[in-house]
Amino acid sequence: MVINSGIKEAREKKMMTQNDLAKRMGVDVNVIKDWEENNTMISLKDVRRLTKYLDATSDQLLLGCTKPLLIYQV
């Protein structure tokens, strides 16, 4: 699963510690650790919250994309 590395990468890019992110989100630091270590599933609600706190798109977090995906209609 890519999201664990996506969260860590986005968090480090913002120069935040796991503790910093946990405080901003109002969760225990172990929640962030578990997400980054892929020990627990993350809800879509929390993905949306992470996009706000990490200034990242859901594509970046979920798929490891550096740029948003373009969808073409045929």
PDB file of N, CA and C in Angstrom:
ATOM      1  N   MET A   1       0.847  -1.183   0.000  1.00  0.00           N
ATOM      2  CA  MET A   1       0.000   0.000   0.000  1.00  0.00           C
ATOM      3  C   MET A   1       0.886   1.237   0.000  1.00  0.00           C
ATOM      4  N   VAL A   2       0.556   2.203  -0.787  1.00  0.00           N
ATOM      5  CA  VAL A   2       1.381   3.392  -0.981  1.00  0.00           C
ATOM      6  C   VAL A   2       1.091   4.473   0.054  1.00  0.00           C
ATOM      7  N   ILE A   3      -0.092   4.465   0.632  1.00  0.00           N
ATOM      8  CA  ILE A   3      -0.468   5.601   1.483  1.00  0.00           C
ATOM      9  C   ILE A   3       0.485   5.801   2.661  1.00  0.00           C
ATOM     10  N   ASN A   4       1.017   4.728   3.216  1.00  0.00           N
ATOM     11  CA  ASN A   4       1.922   4.907   4.351  1.00  0.00           C
ATOM     12  C   ASN A   4       3.140   5.733   3.955  1.00  0.00           C
ATOM     13  N   SER A   5       3.732   5.459   2.825  1.00  0.00           N
ATOM     14  CA  SER A   5       4.892   6.246   2.392  1.00  0.00           C
ATOM     15  C   SER A   5       4.460   7.632   1.915  1.00  0.00           C
ATOM     16  N   GLY A   6       3.248   7.730   1.372  1.00  0.00           N
ATOM     17  CA  GLY A   6       2.732   9.029   0.931  1.00  0.00           C
ATOM     18  C   GLY A   6       2.535   9.985   2.092  1.00  0.00           C
ATOM     19  N   ILE A   7       2.015   9.470   3.203  1.00  0.00           N
ATOM     20  CA  ILE A   7       1.821  10.305   4.386  1.00  0.00           C
ATOM     21  C   ILE A   7       3.168  10.760   4.927  1.00  0.00           C
ATOM     22  N   LYS A   8       4.076   9.825   5.067  1.00  0.00           N
ATOM     23  CA  LYS A   8       5.391  10.160   5.619  1.00  0.00           C
ATOM     24  C   LYS A   8       6.120  11.174   4.745  1.00  0.00           C
ATOM     25  N   GLU A   9       6.086  10.945   3.451  1.00  0.00           N
ATOM     26  CA  GLU A   9       6.776  11.852   2.526  1.00  0.00           C
ATOM     27  C   GLU A   9       6.186  13.261   2.592  1.00  0.00           C
ATOM     28  N   ALA A  10       4.862  13.355   2.573  1.00  0.00           N
ATOM     29  CA  ALA A  10       4.203  14.668   2.626  1.00  0.00           C
ATOM     30  C   ALA A  10       4.471  15.352   3.970  1.00  0.00           C
ATOM     31  N   ARG A  11       4.453  14.581   5.045  1.00  0.00           N
ATOM     32  CA  ARG A  11       4.706  15.133   6.375  1.00  0.00           C
ATOM     33  C   ARG A  11       6.133  15.676   6.471  1.00  0.00           C
ATOM     34  N   GLU A  12       7.086  14.907   5.994  1.00  0.00           N
ATOM     35  CA  GLU A  12       8.481  15.341   6.039  1.00  0.00           C
ATOM     36  C   GLU A  12       8.722  16.542   5.131  1.00  0.00           C
ATOM     37  N   LYS A  13       8.021  16.591   4.018  1.00  0.00           N
ATOM     38  CA  LYS A  13       8.143  17.739   3.112  1.00  0.00           C
ATOM     39  C   LYS A  13       7.697  19.021   3.808  1.00  0.00           C
ATOM     40  N   LYS A  14       6.701  18.899   4.692  1.00  0.00           N
ATOM     41  CA  LYS A  14       6.217  20.055   5.458  1.00  0.00           C
ATOM     42  C   LYS A  14       7.072  20.300   6.707  1.00  0.00           C
ATOM     43  N   MET A  15       8.134  19.474   6.872  1.00  0.00           N
ATOM     44  CA  MET A  15       9.040  19.565   8.007  1.00  0.00           C
ATOM     45  C   MET A  15       8.287  19.416   9.330  1.00  0.00           C
ATOM     46  N   MET A  16       7.377  18.442   9.345  1.00  0.00           N
ATOM     47  CA  MET A  16       6.592  18.151  10.539  1.00  0.00           C
ATOM     48  C   MET A  16       7.013  16.799  11.101  1.00  0.00           C
ATOM     49  N   THR A  17       6.975  16.685  12.416  1.00  0.00           N
ATOM     50  CA  THR A  17       7.187  15.398  13.041  1.00  0.00           C
ATOM     51  C   THR A  17       5.849  14.674  13.115  1.00  0.00           C
ATOM     52  N   GLN A  18       5.898  13.396  13.452  1.00  0.00           N
ATOM     53  CA  GLN A  18       4.651  12.660  13.658  1.00  0.00           C
ATOM     54  C   GLN A  18       3.852  13.305  14.786  1.00  0.00           C
ATOM     55  N   ASN A  19       4.540  13.758  15.798  1.00  0.00           N
ATOM     56  CA  ASN A  19       3.877  14.410  16.927  1.00  0.00           C
ATOM     57  C   ASN A  19       3.194  15.707  16.505  1.00  0.00           C
ATOM     58  N   ASP A  20       3.860  16.497  15.658  1.00  0.00           N
ATOM     59  CA  ASP A  20       3.271  17.743  15.150  1.00  0.00           C
ATOM     60  C   ASP A  20       1.959  17.456  14.417  1.00  0.00           C
ATOM     61  N   LEU A  21       1.991  16.477  13.533  1.00  0.00           N
ATOM     62  CA  LEU A  21       0.805  16.140  12.749  1.00  0.00           C
ATOM     63  C   LEU A  21      -0.308  15.613  13.646  1.00  0.00           C
ATOM     64  N   ALA A  22       0.054  14.792  14.609  1.00  0.00           N
ATOM     65  CA  ALA A  22      -0.943  14.245  15.534  1.00  0.00           C
ATOM     66  C   ALA A  22      -1.636  15.365  16.306  1.00  0.00           C
ATOM     67  N   LYS A  23      -0.868  16.324  16.776  1.00  0.00           N
ATOM     68  CA  LYS A  23      -1.451  17.453  17.513  1.00  0.00           C
ATOM     69  C   LYS A  23      -2.403  18.248  16.635  1.00  0.00           C
ATOM     70  N   ARG A  24      -2.005  18.518  15.404  1.00  0.00           N
ATOM     71  CA  ARG A  24      -2.868  19.282  14.492  1.00  0.00           C
ATOM     72  C   ARG A  24      -4.161  18.544  14.192  1.00  0.00           C
ATOM     73  N   MET A  25      -4.068  17.235  14.087  1.00  0.00           N
ATOM     74  CA  MET A  25      -5.254  16.442  13.758  1.00  0.00           C
ATOM     75  C   MET A  25      -6.074  16.076  14.990  1.00  0.00           C
ATOM     76  N   GLY A  26      -5.514  16.292  16.160  1.00  0.00           N
ATOM     77  CA  GLY A  26      -6.222  15.961  17.386  1.00  0.00           C
ATOM     78  C   GLY A  26      -6.298  14.465  17.648  1.00  0.00           C
ATOM     79  N   VAL A  27      -5.228  13.751  17.261  1.00  0.00           N
ATOM     80  CA  VAL A  27      -5.161  12.305  17.481  1.00  0.00           C
ATOM     81  C   VAL A  27      -3.880  11.978  18.238  1.00  0.00           C
ATOM     82  N   ASP A  28      -3.823  10.780  18.766  1.00  0.00           N
ATOM     83  CA  ASP A  28      -2.626  10.317  19.441  1.00  0.00           C
ATOM     84  C   ASP A  28      -1.526  10.067  18.401  1.00  0.00           C
ATOM     85  N   VAL A  29      -0.290  10.299  18.778  1.00  0.00           N
ATOM     86  CA  VAL A  29       0.828  10.107  17.862  1.00  0.00           C
ATOM     87  C   VAL A  29       0.886   8.671  17.350  1.00  0.00           C
ATOM     88  N   ASN A  30       0.398   7.723  18.131  1.00  0.00           N
ATOM     89  CA  ASN A  30       0.402   6.325  17.693  1.00  0.00           C
ATOM     90  C   ASN A  30      -0.488   6.093  16.477  1.00  0.00           C
ATOM     91  N   VAL A  31      -1.501   6.925  16.303  1.00  0.00           N
ATOM     92  CA  VAL A  31      -2.363   6.823  15.113  1.00  0.00           C
ATOM     93  C   VAL A  31      -1.534   7.137  13.873  1.00  0.00           C
ATOM     94  N   ILE A  32      -0.759   8.206  13.929  1.00  0.00           N
ATOM     95  CA  ILE A  32       0.090   8.594  12.794  1.00  0.00           C
ATOM     96  C   ILE A  32       1.126   7.505  12.537  1.00  0.00           C
ATOM     97  N   LYS A  33       1.748   7.006  13.596  1.00  0.00           N
ATOM     98  CA  LYS A  33       2.745   5.938  13.453  1.00  0.00           C
ATOM     99  C   LYS A  33       2.134   4.714  12.790  1.00  0.00           C
ATOM    100  N   ASP A  34       0.945   4.333  13.240  1.00  0.00           N
ATOM    101  CA  ASP A  34       0.281   3.158  12.664  1.00  0.00           C
ATOM    102  C   ASP A  34      -0.045   3.358  11.188  1.00  0.00           C
ATOM    103  N   TRP A  35      -0.479   4.550  10.807  1.00  0.00           N
ATOM    104  CA  TRP A  35      -0.746   4.820   9.393  1.00  0.00           C
ATOM    105  C   TRP A  35       0.535   4.708   8.583  1.00  0.00           C
ATOM    106  N   GLU A  36       1.609   5.324   9.077  1.00  0.00           N
ATOM    107  CA  GLU A  36       2.867   5.328   8.332  1.00  0.00           C
ATOM    108  C   GLU A  36       3.518   3.950   8.279  1.00  0.00           C
ATOM    109  N   GLU A  37       3.269   3.128   9.265  1.00  0.00           N
ATOM    110  CA  GLU A  37       3.827   1.775   9.275  1.00  0.00           C
ATOM    111  C   GLU A  37       2.870   0.755   8.678  1.00  0.00           C
ATOM    112  N   ASN A  38       1.745   1.256   8.169  1.00  0.00           N
ATOM    113  CA  ASN A  38       0.733   0.420   7.514  1.00  0.00           C
ATOM    114  C   ASN A  38       0.180  -0.656   8.459  1.00  0.00           C
ATOM    115  N   ASN A  39       0.021  -0.283   9.732  1.00  0.00           N
ATOM    116  CA  ASN A  39      -0.525  -1.202  10.720  1.00  0.00           C
ATOM    117  C   ASN A  39      -2.042  -1.122  10.819  1.00  0.00           C
ATOM    118  N   THR A  40      -2.605   0.017  10.413  1.00  0.00           N
ATOM    119  CA  THR A  40      -4.059   0.187  10.458  1.00  0.00           C
ATOM    120  C   THR A  40      -4.533   0.832   9.170  1.00  0.00           C
ATOM    121  N   MET A  41      -5.791   0.587   8.871  1.00  0.00           N
ATOM    122  CA  MET A  41      -6.412   1.211   7.701  1.00  0.00           C
ATOM    123  C   MET A  41      -6.763   2.653   8.048  1.00  0.00           C
ATOM    124  N   ILE A  42      -6.703   3.496   7.056  1.00  0.00           N
ATOM    125  CA  ILE A  42      -7.066   4.893   7.247  1.00  0.00           C
ATOM    126  C   ILE A  42      -8.406   5.133   6.564  1.00  0.00           C
ATOM    127  N   SER A  43      -9.267   5.893   7.218  1.00  0.00           N
ATOM    128  CA  SER A  43     -10.580   6.184   6.643  1.00  0.00           C
ATOM    129  C   SER A  43     -10.459   7.287   5.597  1.00  0.00           C
ATOM    130  N   LEU A  44     -11.417   7.338   4.709  1.00  0.00           N
ATOM    131  CA  LEU A  44     -11.423   8.406   3.703  1.00  0.00           C
ATOM    132  C   LEU A  44     -11.576   9.767   4.362  1.00  0.00           C
ATOM    133  N   LYS A  45     -12.313   9.805   5.451  1.00  0.00           N
ATOM    134  CA  LYS A  45     -12.462  11.062   6.198  1.00  0.00           C
ATOM    135  C   LYS A  45     -11.097  11.555   6.675  1.00  0.00           C
ATOM    136  N   ASP A  46     -10.279  10.641   7.179  1.00  0.00           N
ATOM    137  CA  ASP A  46      -8.947  11.030   7.644  1.00  0.00           C
ATOM    138  C   ASP A  46      -8.019  11.377   6.482  1.00  0.00           C
ATOM    139  N   VAL A  47      -8.188  10.725   5.345  1.00  0.00           N
ATOM    140  CA  VAL A  47      -7.407  11.093   4.150  1.00  0.00           C
ATOM    141  C   VAL A  47      -7.724  12.533   3.777  1.00  0.00           C
ATOM    142  N   ARG A  48      -9.002  12.884   3.797  1.00  0.00           N
ATOM    143  CA  ARG A  48      -9.397  14.266   3.472  1.00  0.00           C
ATOM    144  C   ARG A  48      -8.785  15.250   4.460  1.00  0.00           C
ATOM    145  N   ARG A  49      -8.768  14.889   5.738  1.00  0.00           N
ATOM    146  CA  ARG A  49      -8.171  15.766   6.742  1.00  0.00           C
ATOM    147  C   ARG A  49      -6.665  15.903   6.508  1.00  0.00           C
ATOM    148  N   LEU A  50      -6.020  14.807   6.164  1.00  0.00           N
ATOM    149  CA  LEU A  50      -4.582  14.849   5.908  1.00  0.00           C
ATOM    150  C   LEU A  50      -4.241  15.758   4.732  1.00  0.00           C
ATOM    151  N   THR A  51      -5.068  15.744   3.697  1.00  0.00           N
ATOM    152  CA  THR A  51      -4.794  16.602   2.535  1.00  0.00           C
ATOM    153  C   THR A  51      -4.743  18.064   2.964  1.00  0.00           C
ATOM    154  N   LYS A  52      -5.575  18.414   3.908  1.00  0.00           N
ATOM    155  CA  LYS A  52      -5.613  19.791   4.411  1.00  0.00           C
ATOM    156  C   LYS A  52      -4.351  20.112   5.214  1.00  0.00           C
ATOM    157  N   TYR A  53      -3.994  19.243   6.137  1.00  0.00           N
ATOM    158  CA  TYR A  53      -2.865  19.512   7.027  1.00  0.00           C
ATOM    159  C   TYR A  53      -1.516  19.357   6.330  1.00  0.00           C
ATOM    160  N   LEU A  54      -1.452  18.537   5.287  1.00  0.00           N
ATOM    161  CA  LEU A  54      -0.180  18.292   4.614  1.00  0.00           C
ATOM    162  C   LEU A  54      -0.055  19.006   3.274  1.00  0.00           C
ATOM    163  N   ASP A  55      -1.087  19.766   2.896  1.00  0.00           N
ATOM    164  CA  ASP A  55      -1.086  20.452   1.592  1.00  0.00           C
ATOM    165  C   ASP A  55      -0.753  19.479   0.465  1.00  0.00           C
ATOM    166  N   ALA A  56      -1.420  18.336   0.478  1.00  0.00           N
ATOM    167  CA  ALA A  56      -1.201  17.304  -0.530  1.00  0.00           C
ATOM    168  C   ALA A  56      -2.559  16.886  -1.090  1.00  0.00           C
ATOM    169  N   THR A  57      -2.549  16.347  -2.280  1.00  0.00           N
ATOM    170  CA  THR A  57      -3.790  15.842  -2.852  1.00  0.00           C
ATOM    171  C   THR A  57      -4.001  14.404  -2.385  1.00  0.00           C
ATOM    172  N   SER A  58      -5.225  13.947  -2.500  1.00  0.00           N
ATOM    173  CA  SER A  58      -5.498  12.552  -2.156  1.00  0.00           C
ATOM    174  C   SER A  58      -4.749  11.622  -3.099  1.00  0.00           C
ATOM    175  N   ASP A  59      -4.561  12.019  -4.357  1.00  0.00           N
ATOM    176  CA  ASP A  59      -3.776  11.219  -5.299  1.00  0.00           C
ATOM    177  C   ASP A  59      -2.344  11.051  -4.792  1.00  0.00           C
ATOM    178  N   GLN A  60      -1.776  12.120  -4.281  1.00  0.00           N
ATOM    179  CA  GLN A  60      -0.407  12.050  -3.773  1.00  0.00           C
ATOM    180  C   GLN A  60      -0.324  11.104  -2.578  1.00  0.00           C
ATOM    181  N   LEU A  61      -1.292  11.170  -1.690  1.00  0.00           N
ATOM    182  CA  LEU A  61      -1.272  10.325  -0.500  1.00  0.00           C
ATOM    183  C   LEU A  61      -1.604   8.878  -0.819  1.00  0.00           C
ATOM    184  N   LEU A  62      -2.640   8.659  -1.617  1.00  0.00           N
ATOM    185  CA  LEU A  62      -3.113   7.300  -1.869  1.00  0.00           C
ATOM    186  C   LEU A  62      -2.316   6.555  -2.924  1.00  0.00           C
ATOM    187  N   LEU A  63      -1.867   7.280  -3.943  1.00  0.00           N
ATOM    188  CA  LEU A  63      -1.233   6.623  -5.079  1.00  0.00           C
ATOM    189  C   LEU A  63       0.255   6.935  -5.230  1.00  0.00           C
ATOM    190  N   GLY A  64       0.744   7.849  -4.431  1.00  0.00           N
ATOM    191  CA  GLY A  64       2.145   8.222  -4.540  1.00  0.00           C
ATOM    192  C   GLY A  64       2.438   9.081  -5.747  1.00  0.00           C
ATOM    193  N   CYS A  65       1.419   9.723  -6.293  1.00  0.00           N
ATOM    194  CA  CYS A  65       1.596  10.572  -7.471  1.00  0.00           C
ATOM    195  C   CYS A  65       2.222  11.896  -7.062  1.00  0.00           C
ATOM    196  N   THR A  66       3.146  12.370  -7.852  1.00  0.00           N
ATOM    197  CA  THR A  66       3.732  13.671  -7.567  1.00  0.00           C
ATOM    198  C   THR A  66       2.896  14.794  -8.164  1.00  0.00           C
ATOM    199  N   LYS A  67       2.100  14.465  -9.152  1.00  0.00           N
ATOM    200  CA  LYS A  67       1.201  15.433  -9.778  1.00  0.00           C
ATOM    201  C   LYS A  67      -0.194  14.826  -9.795  1.00  0.00           C
ATOM    202  N   PRO A  68      -1.233  15.656  -9.716  1.00  0.00           N
ATOM    203  CA  PRO A  68      -2.586  15.110  -9.800  1.00  0.00           C
ATOM    204  C   PRO A  68      -2.787  14.356 -11.111  1.00  0.00           C
ATOM    205  N   LEU A  69      -3.549  13.293 -11.050  1.00  0.00           N
ATOM    206  CA  LEU A  69      -3.844  12.513 -12.246  1.00  0.00           C
ATOM    207  C   LEU A  69      -4.786  13.269 -13.163  1.00  0.00           C
ATOM    208  N   LEU A  70      -4.543  13.159 -14.438  1.00  0.00           N
ATOM    209  CA  LEU A  70      -5.445  13.738 -15.429  1.00  0.00           C
ATOM    210  C   LEU A  70      -6.324  12.620 -15.975  1.00  0.00           C
ATOM    211  N   ILE A  71      -7.602  12.870 -15.992  1.00  0.00           N
ATOM    212  CA  ILE A  71      -8.531  11.882 -16.506  1.00  0.00           C
ATOM    213  C   ILE A  71      -9.087  12.384 -17.817  1.00  0.00           C
ATOM    214  N   TYR A  72      -8.906  11.596 -18.831  1.00  0.00           N
ATOM    215  CA  TYR A  72      -9.390  11.967 -20.148  1.00  0.00           C
ATOM    216  C   TYR A  72     -10.660  11.189 -20.463  1.00  0.00           C
ATOM    217  N   GLN A  73     -11.610  11.900 -21.018  1.00  0.00           N
ATOM    218  CA  GLN A  73     -12.826  11.229 -21.455  1.00  0.00           C
ATOM    219  C   GLN A  73     -12.723  10.975 -22.948  1.00  0.00           C
ATOM    220  N   VAL A  74     -13.115   9.782 -23.341  1.00  0.00           N
ATOM    221  CA  VAL A  74     -13.031   9.404 -24.752  1.00  0.00           C
ATOM    222  C   VAL A  74     -14.399   9.477 -25.366  1.00  0.00           C
TER     223      VAL A  74
END
